Amino acid sequence: QVQLVESGGGLVQAGDSLRLSCAASGRTFNSYAMAWFRQAPGKEREFVARISRSGGTRYHADTGKSRSTISRDSAKNTMYQQMNSLKPEDTAVYYCAADLQERAGERRSIAYDYWGQGTQVTVSS
């Protein structure tokens, strides 16, 4: 089992930055890959970024690729998503997820085994 708890969301203005955190517990932290997804009102959940078990390989969705960075800290059992130059279209609930299998660039939400409850990010114009 893996328990995931997101934090760091909030209400910000366009152009601001946010760092989301996902605290993990349960299984050994480096035994699973992790990812961020987001879901805006009325839209499907979409892939944001994925990081390998070791943190050495990262994948970002084309949307926002140049504005965000995924990372993980094994000493803190925490994954992060640094988001810069936020836009109103970034408004969504952001979820972290864990994948017990190491799959290159897996973007399908169905492939992930564990999910957090989400953290709301709202970007005002």
C-alpha atoms as a PDB file:
ATOM      1  CA  GLN A   1       0.000   0.000   0.000  1.00  0.00           C
ATOM      2  CA  VAL A   2       1.029   3.575  -0.682  1.00  0.00           C
ATOM      3  CA  GLN A   3      -0.585   6.581   0.956  1.00  0.00           C
ATOM      4  CA  LEU A   4      -0.263   9.926  -0.819  1.00  0.00           C
ATOM      5  CA  VAL A   5      -1.102  13.361   0.539  1.00  0.00           C
ATOM      6  CA  GLU A   6      -0.867  16.479  -1.619  1.00  0.00           C
ATOM      7  CA  SER A   7      -0.348  20.010  -0.366  1.00  0.00           C
ATOM      8  CA  GLY A   8       0.723  23.413  -1.619  1.00  0.00           C
ATOM      9  CA  GLY A   9      -2.261  24.392  -3.711  1.00  0.00           C
ATOM     10  CA  GLY A  10      -4.029  27.703  -3.383  1.00  0.00           C
ATOM     11  CA  LEU A  11      -5.311  30.835  -5.054  1.00  0.00           C
ATOM     12  CA  VAL A  12      -2.674  32.764  -6.985  1.00  0.00           C
ATOM     13  CA  GLN A  13      -2.523  35.360  -9.723  1.00  0.00           C
ATOM     14  CA  ALA A  14      -1.444  34.784 -13.291  1.00  0.00           C
ATOM     15  CA  GLY A  15       2.332  34.828 -13.511  1.00  0.00           C
ATOM     16  CA  ASP A  16       2.866  33.577  -9.961  1.00  0.00           C
ATOM     17  CA  SER A  17       4.612  30.366  -8.945  1.00  0.00           C
ATOM     18  CA  LEU A  18       3.578  27.447  -6.755  1.00  0.00           C
ATOM     19  CA  ARG A  19       5.298  24.342  -5.482  1.00  0.00           C
ATOM     20  CA  LEU A  20       3.063  21.367  -4.918  1.00  0.00           C
ATOM     21  CA  SER A  21       4.158  18.580  -2.591  1.00  0.00           C
ATOM     22  CA  CYS A  22       3.101  14.956  -2.355  1.00  0.00           C
ATOM     23  CA  ALA A  23       4.060  13.180   0.854  1.00  0.00           C
ATOM     24  CA  ALA A  24       4.216   9.417   0.516  1.00  0.00           C
ATOM     25  CA  SER A  25       4.116   6.649   3.104  1.00  0.00           C
ATOM     26  CA  GLY A  26       3.757   2.895   3.161  1.00  0.00           C
ATOM     27  CA  ARG A  27       5.943   1.075   0.659  1.00  0.00           C
ATOM     28  CA  THR A  28       9.605   1.936   0.222  1.00  0.00           C
ATOM     29  CA  PHE A  29       9.689   5.315  -1.515  1.00  0.00           C
ATOM     30  CA  ASN A  30      11.989   4.319  -4.366  1.00  0.00           C
ATOM     31  CA  SER A  31       9.970   1.224  -5.210  1.00  0.00           C
ATOM     32  CA  TYR A  32       7.483   3.137  -7.372  1.00  0.00           C
ATOM     33  CA  ALA A  33       7.395   5.794 -10.030  1.00  0.00           C
ATOM     34  CA  MET A  34       5.263   8.845  -9.404  1.00  0.00           C
ATOM     35  CA  ALA A  35       3.327  11.372 -11.389  1.00  0.00           C
ATOM     36  CA  TRP A  36       1.168  14.455 -11.298  1.00  0.00           C
ATOM     37  CA  PHE A  37      -2.207  14.687 -12.983  1.00  0.00           C
ATOM     38  CA  ARG A  38      -4.752  17.472 -12.997  1.00  0.00           C
ATOM     39  CA  GLN A  39      -8.461  17.755 -13.571  1.00  0.00           C
ATOM     40  CA  ALA A  40     -10.265  20.961 -14.427  1.00  0.00           C
ATOM     41  CA  PRO A  41     -14.032  21.318 -13.982  1.00  0.00           C
ATOM     42  CA  GLY A  42     -15.902  19.485 -16.710  1.00  0.00           C
ATOM     43  CA  LYS A  43     -12.733  17.979 -18.179  1.00  0.00           C
ATOM     44  CA  GLU A  44     -11.011  14.633 -18.028  1.00  0.00           C
ATOM     45  CA  ARG A  45      -8.046  14.034 -15.797  1.00  0.00           C
ATOM     46  CA  GLU A  46      -4.874  14.810 -17.726  1.00  0.00           C
ATOM     47  CA  PHE A  47      -1.230  13.911 -17.336  1.00  0.00           C
ATOM     48  CA  VAL A  48       1.134  16.610 -16.113  1.00  0.00           C
ATOM     49  CA  ALA A  49       4.463  14.928 -15.384  1.00  0.00           C
ATOM     50  CA  ARG A  50       6.067  11.658 -14.328  1.00  0.00           C
ATOM     51  CA  ILE A  51       9.291  10.812 -12.520  1.00  0.00           C
ATOM     52  CA  SER A  52      11.027   7.466 -12.322  1.00  0.00           C
ATOM     53  CA  ARG A  53      11.749   5.543  -9.148  1.00  0.00           C
ATOM     54  CA  SER A  54      15.235   6.923  -8.871  1.00  0.00           C
ATOM     55  CA  GLY A  55      14.292  10.414  -9.993  1.00  0.00           C
ATOM     56  CA  GLY A  56      16.700  10.165 -12.877  1.00  0.00           C
ATOM     57  CA  THR A  57      14.110  10.214 -15.652  1.00  0.00           C
ATOM     58  CA  ARG A  58      11.369  12.769 -15.995  1.00  0.00           C
ATOM     59  CA  TYR A  59       8.556  13.311 -18.464  1.00  0.00           C
ATOM     60  CA  HIS A  60       6.425  16.413 -18.799  1.00  0.00           C
ATOM     61  CA  ALA A  61       3.305  17.001 -20.814  1.00  0.00           C
ATOM     62  CA  ASP A  62       3.830  19.337 -23.715  1.00  0.00           C
ATOM     63  CA  THR A  63       1.426  21.792 -22.133  1.00  0.00           C
ATOM     64  CA  GLY A  64       3.376  23.686 -19.531  1.00  0.00           C
ATOM     65  CA  LYS A  65       6.561  21.740 -20.208  1.00  0.00           C
ATOM     66  CA  SER A  66       8.761  24.799 -20.035  1.00  0.00           C
ATOM     67  CA  ARG A  67       7.015  26.151 -16.956  1.00  0.00           C
ATOM     68  CA  SER A  68       7.108  23.231 -14.576  1.00  0.00           C
ATOM     69  CA  THR A  69       9.540  20.757 -13.054  1.00  0.00           C
ATOM     70  CA  ILE A  70       8.868  17.487 -11.283  1.00  0.00           C
ATOM     71  CA  SER A  71      11.263  16.202  -8.637  1.00  0.00           C
ATOM     72  CA  ARG A  72      11.418  13.822  -5.695  1.00  0.00           C
ATOM     73  CA  ASP A  73      13.360  13.714  -2.444  1.00  0.00           C
ATOM     74  CA  SER A  74      13.917  10.241  -1.048  1.00  0.00           C
ATOM     75  CA  ALA A  75      15.138  11.637   2.277  1.00  0.00           C
ATOM     76  CA  LYS A  76      11.730  13.234   2.789  1.00  0.00           C
ATOM     77  CA  ASN A  77       9.598  10.674   0.951  1.00  0.00           C
ATOM     78  CA  THR A  78       8.129  13.556  -0.983  1.00  0.00           C
ATOM     79  CA  MET A  79       7.545  14.441  -4.613  1.00  0.00           C
ATOM     80  CA  TYR A  80       7.299  18.000  -5.835  1.00  0.00           C
ATOM     81  CA  GLN A  81       5.950  19.947  -8.777  1.00  0.00           C
ATOM     82  CA  GLN A  82       7.368  23.421  -9.221  1.00  0.00           C
ATOM     83  CA  MET A  83       5.068  25.485 -11.422  1.00  0.00           C
ATOM     84  CA  ASN A  84       6.076  28.899 -12.726  1.00  0.00           C
ATOM     85  CA  SER A  85       4.360  31.585 -14.798  1.00  0.00           C
ATOM     86  CA  LEU A  86       0.976  30.159 -13.937  1.00  0.00           C
ATOM     87  CA  LYS A  87      -1.952  30.818 -16.244  1.00  0.00           C
ATOM     88  CA  PRO A  88      -5.707  30.746 -15.613  1.00  0.00           C
ATOM     89  CA  GLU A  89      -5.903  27.583 -17.717  1.00  0.00           C
ATOM     90  CA  ASP A  90      -3.722  25.861 -15.113  1.00  0.00           C
ATOM     91  CA  THR A  91      -6.665  26.024 -12.716  1.00  0.00           C
ATOM     92  CA  ALA A  92      -7.500  22.465 -11.664  1.00  0.00           C
ATOM     93  CA  VAL A  93      -7.333  19.932  -8.888  1.00  0.00           C
ATOM     94  CA  TYR A  94      -3.848  18.453  -8.941  1.00  0.00           C
ATOM     95  CA  TYR A  95      -3.385  14.810  -7.983  1.00  0.00           C
ATOM     96  CA  CYS A  96      -0.282  12.789  -7.296  1.00  0.00           C
ATOM     97  CA  ALA A  97      -0.163   9.133  -8.215  1.00  0.00           C
ATOM     98  CA  ALA A  98       2.124   6.142  -7.778  1.00  0.00           C
ATOM     99  CA  ASP A  99       2.883   3.426 -10.322  1.00  0.00           C
ATOM    100  CA  LEU A 100       4.396   0.200  -9.011  1.00  0.00           C
ATOM    101  CA  GLN A 101       5.785  -0.534 -12.459  1.00  0.00           C
ATOM    102  CA  GLU A 102       8.605   1.356 -14.092  1.00  0.00           C
ATOM    103  CA  ARG A 103       7.154   2.362 -17.466  1.00  0.00           C
ATOM    104  CA  ALA A 104       8.731   4.988 -19.634  1.00  0.00           C
ATOM    105  CA  GLY A 105       6.547   8.056 -19.880  1.00  0.00           C
ATOM    106  CA  GLU A 106       3.294   6.374 -18.840  1.00  0.00           C
ATOM    107  CA  ARG A 107       0.530   8.976 -19.246  1.00  0.00           C
ATOM    108  CA  ARG A 108      -2.617   6.912 -18.791  1.00  0.00           C
ATOM    109  CA  SER A 109      -4.272   7.505 -15.425  1.00  0.00           C
ATOM    110  CA  ILE A 110      -5.601   3.949 -15.465  1.00  0.00           C
ATOM    111  CA  ALA A 111      -2.033   2.658 -15.206  1.00  0.00           C
ATOM    112  CA  TYR A 112      -1.456   4.151 -11.754  1.00  0.00           C
ATOM    113  CA  ASP A 113      -2.050   2.134  -8.643  1.00  0.00           C
ATOM    114  CA  TYR A 114      -2.429   4.722  -5.896  1.00  0.00           C
ATOM    115  CA  TRP A 115      -3.807   8.255  -5.769  1.00  0.00           C
ATOM    116  CA  GLY A 116      -3.912  11.159  -3.399  1.00  0.00           C
ATOM    117  CA  GLN A 117      -7.013  13.211  -2.631  1.00  0.00           C
ATOM    118  CA  GLY A 118      -5.885  16.216  -4.646  1.00  0.00           C
ATOM    119  CA  THR A 119      -5.051  19.839  -3.999  1.00  0.00           C
ATOM    120  CA  GLN A 120      -6.859  22.762  -5.622  1.00  0.00           C
ATOM    121  CA  VAL A 121      -4.908  25.275  -7.683  1.00  0.00           C
ATOM    122  CA  THR A 122      -6.770  28.371  -8.794  1.00  0.00           C
ATOM    123  CA  VAL A 123      -5.108  30.976 -10.991  1.00  0.00           C
ATOM    124  CA  SER A 124      -6.858  34.300 -11.367  1.00  0.00           C
ATOM    125  CA  SER A 125      -6.318  36.576 -14.347  1.00  0.00           C
END
